[in-house]
Amino acid sequence: MPKSSNQGKLNELSARFPFFIYEDFSFSLDPGGLNARFHFNLGGQFHFYPSLFIPGNSRAFTDEILKPLLPSLIFNIGMIELISYWKSACPPKVFIRPAGLSKEQVSWWKKLYFLGLGEFFYLNSLDVDENTFMDITAEGVVFPVLATPDLGAGVIVPVGGGKDSAVTLDLLKEYFNVIPMVVNPRGATSAVIEASEIPPGRAILLTRTLDPLLLELNAKGFLNGHTPFSALLAFISLPAALLTGSRHIVLSNESSANEATIPGTNINHQYSKSIEFENDFRDYVSKFITPHINYFSFLRPLNELQIAWLFSRLPAYHRVFRSCNAGSKTDAWCGKCPKCLFTFVILSPFLGEETMKTLFGKNLLDETGLITTLLQFTGAADEKPFDCIGTIDEVNLALCEMIRLKKEYTLPALLRIYRDSSEYSTYHEREFMSSLSSWSANNLPGTFETILKAALYA
């Protein structure tokens, strides 16, 4: 999404729609699964009714046990779901009617909304600050902390179809009862689960439905942009854990997600994949929902190079993984976007250029139309691409390693350009292999540390 100057549009829309209301939520639990529905009100003029379905194929508890526990979980999903609809006009007043929120909870949600919408605010050139961009008034009774049943040792692993979740699935499947979780399944997510050889009936496949009215408003010129989807995924995973009797929710977010997209700011496309959000979310769940569900990222101690090395050792996934947003509907690599180029670059030192050409159908390092993207990757531009990619250091080290491996052979176009850059001069003498061994397990819960070390040093 190119940068736009939409401050005037924000002023106009927030005047036309001075308030936003989270009206209510409803849910039903039957043998087929859990259906949830939300109602949002934009300025008394537009009403939205998004929904969520979680199948009951792995039901762990009876309805009598589950039903009293679900209202708090569903309410909080609505709290993160609402941001997709609020951002269309950014009303200054937000009213929460289904339940109350403490002052600490209000502050928590404002922080998530503000930092999770950092890219949205930046690309729309909106002049906002965390204290005044939104005023939240919550009505009703605050939900109590849940007394959850005795959850089992199941491990829910959200699967997006990319290399990271494939690595997590493969490292954990031999040790735990891993339950893959997918929101709105597509070909790549199904193929990755199949490649993992985890029984397909164990996977929990959720359906999230946007209200089509939101798309109509976007087409009419209302504000639009990135929202923190991983935060939504986090809240959705809570009832999935409860339904399946799983105590652990295990993400595949790496240390590289902590790096800001705009250097020197807190604007990060991957904010809801960062350690800051992870810690905040775990704290919120423990204080206000239940202390009995363990949410963390298994790959947090690792960087993108280390994950790429691990993935290179898992050939069953190489032809089926996909993480290109532009090609997601057709499960293809578009070969033109930052995600495609980053994946090509980060895996090439381990899989080799010829293998990558086979996987992508062409050598992306010969695509001169990607020069601007390459400059953004390496730090030669003012900002990184707004996509889920690695750090500036990681990309530079991977490019330097590819040049070293080519030796006397002709370099593809992008590597020739990079070799003449100041970034190459800065990085080319750094030891590539040290980036694969300089990992730390400091942020990893002890129950999984031994497994990760065994996997890395097998």
Protein backbone atom coordinates (compact mmCIF):
# COMPACT_ATOMS: atom_id res chain seq x y z
CA MET A 1 0.00 0.00 0.00
CA PRO A 2 1.60 3.32 -1.06
CA LYS A 3 1.79 6.20 1.40
CA SER A 4 -1.15 8.63 1.21
CA SER A 5 -2.04 12.00 2.76
CA ASN A 6 -5.33 11.26 4.46
CA GLN A 7 -5.34 13.62 7.45
CA GLY A 8 -8.10 15.68 5.84
CA LYS A 9 -10.13 12.55 5.21
CA LEU A 10 -9.63 11.50 8.84
CA ASN A 11 -10.91 14.87 10.05
CA GLU A 12 -13.95 14.62 7.80
CA LEU A 13 -14.80 11.02 8.72
CA SER A 14 -14.31 11.42 12.47
CA ALA A 15 -16.68 14.42 12.37
CA ARG A 16 -19.31 12.46 10.41
CA PHE A 17 -18.91 9.41 12.66
CA PRO A 18 -18.08 10.73 16.15
CA PHE A 19 -18.56 7.41 17.92
CA PHE A 20 -18.11 3.67 17.51
CA ILE A 21 -20.00 1.13 19.61
CA TYR A 22 -19.22 -2.49 20.38
CA GLU A 23 -22.91 -3.32 20.79
CA ASP A 24 -22.88 -6.99 21.71
CA PHE A 25 -21.74 -10.50 20.92
CA SER A 26 -23.51 -13.85 20.84
CA PHE A 27 -22.43 -17.46 20.57
CA SER A 28 -23.88 -20.94 20.32
CA LEU A 29 -22.25 -24.24 21.13
CA ASP A 30 -23.50 -27.40 19.46
CA PRO A 31 -22.00 -30.74 18.35
CA GLY A 32 -20.71 -29.07 15.19
CA GLY A 33 -18.68 -26.51 17.08
CA LEU A 34 -18.72 -22.93 18.36
CA ASN A 35 -20.37 -20.14 16.41
CA ALA A 36 -19.72 -16.54 17.50
CA ARG A 37 -21.14 -13.31 16.11
CA PHE A 38 -20.32 -9.68 16.87
CA HIS A 39 -22.23 -6.43 16.39
CA PHE A 40 -20.44 -3.12 15.84
CA ASN A 41 -22.01 0.28 15.21
CA LEU A 42 -20.25 3.06 13.29
CA GLY A 43 -21.79 6.42 14.21
CA GLY A 44 -25.33 5.05 14.24
CA GLN A 45 -25.15 4.82 10.43
CA PHE A 46 -23.44 1.52 9.63
CA HIS A 47 -23.72 -1.80 11.45
CA PHE A 48 -21.25 -4.67 11.09
CA TYR A 49 -21.79 -8.34 11.96
CA PRO A 50 -18.56 -10.34 11.58
CA SER A 51 -18.53 -13.98 12.69
CA LEU A 52 -16.25 -16.80 13.75
CA PHE A 53 -16.69 -20.59 13.65
CA ILE A 54 -14.51 -23.06 15.58
CA PRO A 55 -15.31 -26.70 14.71
CA GLY A 56 -15.92 -29.19 17.49
CA ASN A 57 -13.96 -32.06 15.99
CA SER A 58 -11.70 -32.23 19.05
CA ARG A 59 -14.21 -31.33 21.79
CA ALA A 60 -12.56 -32.00 25.16
CA PHE A 61 -15.28 -30.93 27.61
CA THR A 62 -19.06 -31.05 27.91
CA ASP A 63 -21.29 -28.08 27.12
CA GLU A 64 -22.04 -27.70 30.82
CA ILE A 65 -18.36 -27.05 31.51
CA LEU A 66 -17.66 -24.95 28.44
CA LYS A 67 -20.61 -22.54 28.29
CA PRO A 68 -19.84 -20.61 31.50
CA LEU A 69 -16.23 -20.13 30.37
CA LEU A 70 -16.86 -18.83 26.86
CA PRO A 71 -18.45 -15.35 27.32
CA SER A 72 -15.20 -13.74 28.49
CA LEU A 73 -13.22 -15.36 25.66
CA ILE A 74 -15.74 -14.34 22.99
CA PHE A 75 -16.03 -10.80 24.37
CA ASN A 76 -12.27 -10.32 24.13
CA ILE A 77 -12.20 -11.61 20.54
CA GLY A 78 -14.71 -8.85 19.80
CA MET A 79 -12.38 -6.32 21.41
CA ILE A 80 -9.64 -7.10 18.86
CA GLU A 81 -12.05 -7.74 15.97
CA LEU A 82 -13.55 -4.25 16.34
CA ILE A 83 -10.32 -2.52 15.27
CA SER A 84 -10.81 -3.63 11.64
CA TYR A 85 -14.11 -1.72 11.57
CA TRP A 86 -13.14 1.24 13.77
CA LYS A 87 -10.24 2.14 11.48
CA SER A 88 -12.59 2.84 8.56
CA ALA A 89 -13.40 6.24 10.11
CA CYS A 90 -11.37 6.39 13.36
CA PRO A 91 -14.18 7.77 15.56
CA PRO A 92 -12.76 9.55 18.63
CA LYS A 93 -15.24 7.93 21.05
CA VAL A 94 -15.52 4.16 21.51
CA PHE A 95 -18.22 2.66 23.72
CA ILE A 96 -17.98 -0.95 24.94
CA ARG A 97 -21.44 -2.19 25.93
CA PRO A 98 -21.19 -5.99 26.44
CA ALA A 99 -18.94 -5.82 29.53
CA GLY A 100 -16.81 -3.57 31.68
CA LEU A 101 -13.07 -2.93 31.52
CA SER A 102 -10.78 -1.83 34.32
CA LYS A 103 -8.51 1.19 33.84
CA GLU A 104 -5.59 -1.19 33.36
CA GLN A 105 -7.48 -3.07 30.65
CA VAL A 106 -8.42 0.16 28.85
CA SER A 107 -4.75 1.21 28.84
CA TRP A 108 -3.76 -2.23 27.58
CA TRP A 109 -6.20 -2.11 24.68
CA LYS A 110 -5.25 1.44 23.71
CA LYS A 111 -1.60 0.42 23.54
CA LEU A 112 -2.42 -2.57 21.34
CA TYR A 113 -4.65 -0.54 19.03
CA PHE A 114 -2.13 2.29 18.71
CA LEU A 115 1.00 0.20 18.11
CA GLY A 116 -0.89 -2.44 16.12
CA LEU A 117 -2.13 0.32 13.80
CA GLY A 118 1.28 1.99 13.54
CA GLU A 119 1.63 1.05 9.88
CA PHE A 120 -1.94 2.19 9.17
CA PHE A 121 -1.35 5.59 10.76
CA TYR A 122 2.02 6.01 9.01
CA LEU A 123 0.94 5.05 5.49
CA ASN A 124 -2.17 7.22 5.76
CA SER A 125 -0.06 10.13 7.13
CA LEU A 126 -2.36 10.51 10.14
CA ASP A 127 -1.29 12.84 12.93
CA VAL A 128 -2.35 10.91 16.05
CA ASP A 129 -0.92 10.16 19.48
CA GLU A 130 -1.53 7.28 21.87
CA ASN A 131 -3.27 9.35 24.52
CA THR A 132 -5.86 11.14 22.37
CA PHE A 133 -6.44 9.02 19.24
CA MET A 134 -9.29 7.16 20.97
CA ASP A 135 -11.32 7.47 24.17
CA ILE A 136 -12.74 4.16 25.46
CA THR A 137 -15.77 4.00 27.75
CA ALA A 138 -16.74 0.51 28.91
CA GLU A 139 -20.15 -0.26 30.37
CA GLY A 140 -21.32 -3.28 32.33
CA VAL A 141 -19.62 -5.73 34.66
CA VAL A 142 -15.98 -6.75 34.31
CA PHE A 143 -15.68 -10.47 33.55
CA PRO A 144 -14.04 -12.47 36.37
CA VAL A 145 -10.88 -14.48 35.80
CA LEU A 146 -11.89 -17.93 34.56
CA ALA A 147 -11.61 -21.05 36.68
CA THR A 148 -10.71 -23.30 33.77
CA PRO A 149 -10.92 -27.10 33.88
CA ASP A 150 -7.79 -29.20 34.04
CA LEU A 151 -6.38 -28.62 30.57
CA GLY A 152 -4.23 -31.33 29.08
CA ALA A 153 -0.72 -31.07 27.67
CA GLY A 154 -1.91 -30.51 24.12
CA VAL A 155 -0.01 -28.01 21.99
CA ILE A 156 -1.90 -25.79 19.56
CA VAL A 157 0.32 -24.55 16.72
CA PRO A 158 -1.17 -21.86 14.43
CA VAL A 159 -0.23 -22.67 10.83
CA GLY A 160 -0.04 -20.03 8.11
CA GLY A 161 1.54 -22.12 5.37
CA GLY A 162 5.03 -20.59 5.58
CA LYS A 163 8.39 -21.97 6.62
CA ASP A 164 8.22 -20.87 10.27
CA SER A 165 5.13 -22.82 11.29
CA ALA A 166 6.43 -25.80 9.30
CA VAL A 167 9.59 -25.78 11.43
CA THR A 168 7.59 -25.58 14.66
CA LEU A 169 5.28 -28.41 13.63
CA ASP A 170 8.17 -30.63 12.68
CA LEU A 171 10.24 -29.97 15.81
CA LEU A 172 7.38 -30.56 18.22
CA LYS A 173 5.34 -33.36 16.63
CA GLU A 174 7.54 -36.15 18.00
CA TYR A 175 7.31 -34.90 21.56
CA PHE A 176 3.80 -33.54 22.04
CA ASN A 177 0.19 -33.92 20.98
CA VAL A 178 0.39 -31.15 18.40
CA ILE A 179 -2.90 -29.69 17.14
CA PRO A 180 -2.43 -27.54 14.02
CA MET A 181 -4.77 -24.53 13.99
CA VAL A 182 -5.67 -22.68 10.79
CA VAL A 183 -7.87 -19.62 10.29
CA ASN A 184 -9.57 -19.73 6.87
CA PRO A 185 -7.68 -22.75 5.46
CA ARG A 186 -6.14 -22.64 2.00
CA GLY A 187 -4.12 -25.04 -0.11
CA ALA A 188 -0.74 -24.24 1.41
CA THR A 189 -1.89 -24.62 5.01
CA SER A 190 -3.44 -28.00 4.23
CA ALA A 191 -0.34 -29.10 2.32
CA VAL A 192 2.01 -28.12 5.16
CA ILE A 193 -0.08 -30.06 7.68
CA GLU A 194 -0.13 -33.05 5.33
CA ALA A 195 3.65 -32.84 4.91
CA SER A 196 4.05 -32.86 8.70
CA GLU A 197 2.31 -36.29 8.78
CA ILE A 198 0.20 -35.13 11.71
CA PRO A 199 -3.20 -36.85 11.34
CA PRO A 200 -5.43 -34.41 9.41
CA GLY A 201 -8.38 -35.06 11.71
CA ARG A 202 -6.41 -33.56 14.58
CA ALA A 203 -6.20 -30.11 12.93
CA ILE A 204 -8.69 -27.45 14.02
CA LEU A 205 -9.81 -25.36 11.05
CA LEU A 206 -11.50 -22.07 11.95
CA THR A 207 -13.56 -19.82 9.71
CA ARG A 208 -13.45 -16.06 10.25
CA THR A 209 -15.91 -14.02 8.18
CA LEU A 210 -15.59 -10.28 7.63
CA ASP A 211 -18.76 -8.25 7.19
CA PRO A 212 -18.89 -7.43 3.44
CA LEU A 213 -20.08 -3.92 4.31
CA LEU A 214 -16.53 -3.11 5.39
CA LEU A 215 -15.25 -3.90 1.90
CA GLU A 216 -17.99 -1.71 0.43
CA LEU A 217 -16.89 1.21 2.62
CA ASN A 218 -13.27 0.67 1.62
CA ALA A 219 -14.31 0.84 -2.03
CA LYS A 220 -16.11 4.14 -1.30
CA GLY A 221 -12.95 5.75 0.05
CA PHE A 222 -13.15 5.14 3.78
CA LEU A 223 -9.81 4.67 5.53
CA ASN A 224 -8.08 1.33 5.08
CA GLY A 225 -4.84 -0.36 6.00
CA HIS A 226 -2.99 -2.96 8.02
CA THR A 227 -4.37 -4.28 11.31
CA PRO A 228 -2.61 -6.54 13.87
CA PHE A 229 -3.89 -9.89 12.61
CA SER A 230 -1.55 -11.88 14.86
CA ALA A 231 -3.22 -10.27 17.88
CA LEU A 232 -6.59 -11.44 16.58
CA LEU A 233 -5.08 -14.89 16.09
CA ALA A 234 -3.87 -14.83 19.69
CA PHE A 235 -7.35 -14.17 21.09
CA ILE A 236 -8.98 -16.68 18.74
CA SER A 237 -6.54 -19.36 19.91
CA LEU A 238 -7.86 -19.12 23.48
CA PRO A 239 -11.29 -20.74 22.90
CA ALA A 240 -9.59 -23.17 20.51
CA ALA A 241 -7.32 -24.20 23.39
CA LEU A 242 -10.27 -24.58 25.72
CA LEU A 243 -12.32 -26.62 23.24
CA THR A 244 -9.43 -29.01 22.59
CA GLY A 245 -8.20 -29.21 26.18
CA SER A 246 -4.81 -27.73 25.26
CA ARG A 247 -2.72 -25.85 27.80
CA HIS A 248 -0.06 -24.60 25.35
CA ILE A 249 -0.49 -22.20 22.42
CA VAL A 250 2.81 -22.22 20.55
CA LEU A 251 3.61 -19.52 18.00
CA SER A 252 6.35 -19.47 15.37
CA ASN A 253 7.50 -15.85 15.72
CA GLU A 254 11.24 -15.25 15.60
CA SER A 255 13.46 -12.65 17.25
CA SER A 256 13.66 -10.77 13.93
CA ALA A 257 10.03 -9.66 14.30
CA ASN A 258 11.15 -7.21 16.99
CA GLU A 259 12.93 -4.91 14.52
CA ALA A 260 11.01 -1.74 13.58
CA THR A 261 9.94 -1.33 9.97
CA ILE A 262 10.75 2.39 10.17
CA PRO A 263 14.18 2.62 11.86
CA GLY A 264 14.22 4.72 15.01
CA THR A 265 10.45 4.48 15.59
CA ASN A 266 7.99 2.06 17.16
CA ILE A 267 6.29 1.50 13.78
CA ASN A 268 6.54 -2.22 13.14
CA HIS A 269 4.53 -4.20 10.60
CA GLN A 270 5.12 -7.21 12.84
CA TYR A 271 4.23 -5.56 16.16
CA SER A 272 1.76 -8.29 17.14
CA LYS A 273 4.49 -10.86 16.43
CA SER A 274 7.02 -9.05 18.65
CA ILE A 275 8.23 -10.12 22.09
CA GLU A 276 6.64 -6.95 23.47
CA PHE A 277 3.16 -8.00 22.38
CA GLU A 278 3.79 -11.61 23.36
CA ASN A 279 4.66 -10.59 26.91
CA ASP A 280 1.77 -8.11 27.09
CA PHE A 281 -0.71 -10.70 25.84
CA ARG A 282 0.46 -13.39 28.24
CA ASP A 283 0.16 -10.89 31.11
CA TYR A 284 -3.34 -9.81 30.02
CA VAL A 285 -4.60 -13.39 29.71
CA SER A 286 -3.22 -14.34 33.11
CA LYS A 287 -4.67 -11.28 34.87
CA PHE A 288 -8.04 -10.93 33.18
CA ILE A 289 -9.02 -14.22 31.50
CA THR A 290 -7.30 -17.33 32.84
CA PRO A 291 -3.86 -18.16 34.28
CA HIS A 292 -4.01 -21.71 32.94
CA ILE A 293 -3.21 -21.21 29.25
CA ASN A 294 0.43 -20.84 28.23
CA TYR A 295 1.00 -18.62 25.15
CA PHE A 296 4.51 -18.16 23.74
CA SER A 297 6.60 -18.37 20.58
CA PHE A 298 8.72 -21.49 20.27
CA LEU A 299 11.05 -19.85 17.73
CA ARG A 300 11.54 -16.58 19.66
CA PRO A 301 15.22 -17.23 20.50
CA LEU A 302 16.04 -17.78 16.81
CA ASN A 303 16.68 -15.38 13.96
CA GLU A 304 15.54 -15.79 10.36
CA LEU A 305 18.85 -17.31 9.24
CA GLN A 306 18.66 -20.01 11.88
CA ILE A 307 15.06 -20.81 10.98
CA ALA A 308 15.98 -20.93 7.28
CA TRP A 309 18.77 -23.40 8.12
CA LEU A 310 16.35 -25.60 10.07
CA PHE A 311 13.79 -25.41 7.26
CA SER A 312 16.43 -26.40 4.70
CA ARG A 313 16.72 -29.72 6.55
CA LEU A 314 13.01 -30.46 6.09
CA PRO A 315 12.60 -31.29 2.37
CA ALA A 316 9.03 -32.56 2.76
CA TYR A 317 7.84 -28.95 3.04
CA HIS A 318 9.95 -27.31 0.34
CA ARG A 319 7.52 -27.67 -2.57
CA VAL A 320 4.34 -27.00 -0.60
CA PHE A 321 5.07 -24.02 1.69
CA ARG A 322 3.80 -20.59 0.61
CA SER A 323 4.03 -17.23 2.37
CA CYS A 324 3.36 -14.77 -0.43
CA ASN A 325 0.42 -12.52 0.48
CA ALA A 326 -0.16 -11.42 -3.11
CA GLY A 327 -0.43 -15.03 -4.29
CA SER A 328 -2.26 -16.42 -1.27
CA LYS A 329 -5.59 -16.88 -3.05
CA THR A 330 -4.01 -19.16 -5.63
CA ASP A 331 -1.29 -20.60 -3.36
CA ALA A 332 1.40 -19.26 -5.67
CA TRP A 333 4.60 -17.24 -5.37
CA CYS A 334 3.93 -13.99 -7.24
CA GLY A 335 7.68 -13.42 -7.69
CA LYS A 336 7.26 -9.65 -7.45
CA CYS A 337 6.67 -8.78 -3.79
CA PRO A 338 9.00 -8.21 -0.82
CA LYS A 339 7.94 -11.49 0.80
CA CYS A 340 8.88 -13.51 -2.27
CA LEU A 341 12.27 -11.81 -2.60
CA PHE A 342 13.02 -12.15 1.10
CA THR A 343 12.15 -15.86 1.10
CA PHE A 344 14.36 -16.38 -1.96
CA VAL A 345 17.27 -14.51 -0.33
CA ILE A 346 17.09 -16.06 3.13
CA LEU A 347 16.84 -19.66 1.89
CA SER A 348 19.36 -19.45 -0.98
CA PRO A 349 22.52 -19.87 1.16
CA PHE A 350 21.13 -23.19 2.42
CA LEU A 351 19.12 -24.62 -0.48
CA GLY A 352 21.18 -23.16 -3.32
CA GLU A 353 20.22 -20.84 -6.14
CA GLU A 354 19.20 -23.63 -8.54
CA THR A 355 16.80 -25.18 -6.06
CA MET A 356 15.26 -21.78 -5.36
CA LYS A 357 14.81 -21.19 -9.09
CA THR A 358 12.93 -24.47 -9.27
CA LEU A 359 10.67 -23.57 -6.35
CA PHE A 360 9.87 -20.06 -7.64
CA GLY A 361 9.93 -20.78 -11.37
CA LYS A 362 12.66 -18.19 -11.96
CA ASN A 363 15.69 -16.56 -10.37
CA LEU A 364 14.36 -13.57 -8.45
CA LEU A 365 17.90 -12.23 -8.17
CA ASP A 366 17.77 -11.55 -11.92
CA GLU A 367 14.59 -9.45 -11.59
CA THR A 368 15.80 -5.86 -11.88
CA GLY A 369 12.32 -4.60 -11.02
CA LEU A 370 13.07 -5.70 -7.44
CA ILE A 371 16.07 -3.38 -7.02
CA THR A 372 14.13 -0.89 -4.85
CA THR A 373 12.95 -3.73 -2.62
CA LEU A 374 16.52 -5.01 -2.28
CA LEU A 375 17.71 -1.55 -1.22
CA GLN A 376 14.99 -1.47 1.43
CA PHE A 377 16.08 -4.90 2.68
CA THR A 378 19.69 -3.91 3.13
CA GLY A 379 19.19 -0.60 4.93
CA ALA A 380 20.09 1.58 1.95
CA ALA A 381 16.58 3.10 2.05
CA ASP A 382 14.79 5.00 4.82
CA GLU A 383 12.40 2.17 5.59
CA LYS A 384 11.99 -1.58 5.25
CA PRO A 385 9.08 -3.00 3.26
CA PHE A 386 5.87 -3.38 5.25
CA ASP A 387 5.90 -7.16 5.25
CA CYS A 388 6.93 -10.05 7.48
CA ILE A 389 10.63 -10.14 6.64
CA GLY A 390 13.92 -10.45 8.51
CA THR A 391 16.27 -7.82 9.84
CA ILE A 392 18.64 -5.67 7.84
CA ASP A 393 21.60 -7.58 9.29
CA GLU A 394 20.16 -10.97 8.31
CA VAL A 395 19.50 -9.97 4.70
CA ASN A 396 22.95 -8.45 4.28
CA LEU A 397 24.64 -11.55 5.69
CA ALA A 398 22.61 -13.82 3.40
CA LEU A 399 23.48 -11.73 0.32
CA CYS A 400 27.16 -11.71 1.22
CA GLU A 401 27.13 -15.47 1.70
CA MET A 402 25.54 -15.97 -1.72
CA ILE A 403 28.27 -13.87 -3.33
CA ARG A 404 30.93 -15.87 -1.47
CA LEU A 405 29.41 -19.16 -2.61
CA LYS A 406 29.26 -18.03 -6.26
CA LYS A 407 33.04 -17.50 -6.31
CA GLU A 408 34.11 -17.05 -9.91
CA TYR A 409 30.67 -17.70 -11.38
CA THR A 410 28.64 -14.90 -12.94
CA LEU A 411 26.50 -13.10 -10.40
CA PRO A 412 22.80 -12.47 -11.10
CA ALA A 413 21.80 -8.82 -11.58
CA LEU A 414 20.74 -7.98 -8.01
CA LEU A 415 23.87 -9.51 -6.50
CA ARG A 416 26.05 -7.51 -8.93
CA ILE A 417 24.32 -4.31 -7.83
CA TYR A 418 24.61 -5.27 -4.17
CA ARG A 419 28.34 -6.13 -4.47
CA ASP A 420 29.01 -2.52 -5.49
CA SER A 421 27.11 -1.08 -2.53
CA SER A 422 28.41 0.34 0.75
CA GLU A 423 26.32 -2.25 2.59
CA TYR A 424 28.37 -5.04 1.01
CA SER A 425 31.56 -3.31 2.11
CA THR A 426 30.20 -3.19 5.65
CA TYR A 427 29.04 -6.79 5.90
CA HIS A 428 31.13 -8.98 3.61
CA GLU A 429 33.88 -9.68 6.13
CA ARG A 430 31.49 -10.73 8.90
CA GLU A 431 31.39 -14.44 9.67
CA PHE A 432 28.19 -15.89 8.26
CA MET A 433 28.20 -19.12 10.24
CA SER A 434 28.43 -17.29 13.55
CA SER A 435 24.91 -16.00 12.92
CA LEU A 436 23.71 -19.59 13.05
CA SER A 437 25.24 -20.39 16.44
CA SER A 438 24.80 -17.12 18.37
CA TRP A 439 21.30 -17.92 19.60
CA SER A 440 20.02 -17.69 23.15
CA ALA A 441 17.30 -19.64 24.93
CA ASN A 442 16.79 -16.92 27.53
CA ASN A 443 13.22 -16.19 26.43
CA LEU A 444 12.19 -19.81 25.99
CA PRO A 445 10.13 -21.57 28.68
CA GLY A 446 12.21 -24.29 30.30
CA THR A 447 9.87 -27.13 29.39
CA PHE A 448 10.79 -26.71 25.72
CA GLU A 449 14.41 -25.59 25.98
CA THR A 450 15.87 -29.09 25.95
CA ILE A 451 13.87 -30.03 22.86
CA LEU A 452 14.98 -26.97 20.95
CA LYS A 453 18.63 -27.52 21.81
CA ALA A 454 18.37 -31.16 20.76
CA ALA A 455 16.78 -30.16 17.46
CA LEU A 456 19.42 -27.52 16.73
CA TYR A 457 22.39 -29.68 17.51
CA ALA A 458 21.12 -33.01 16.18
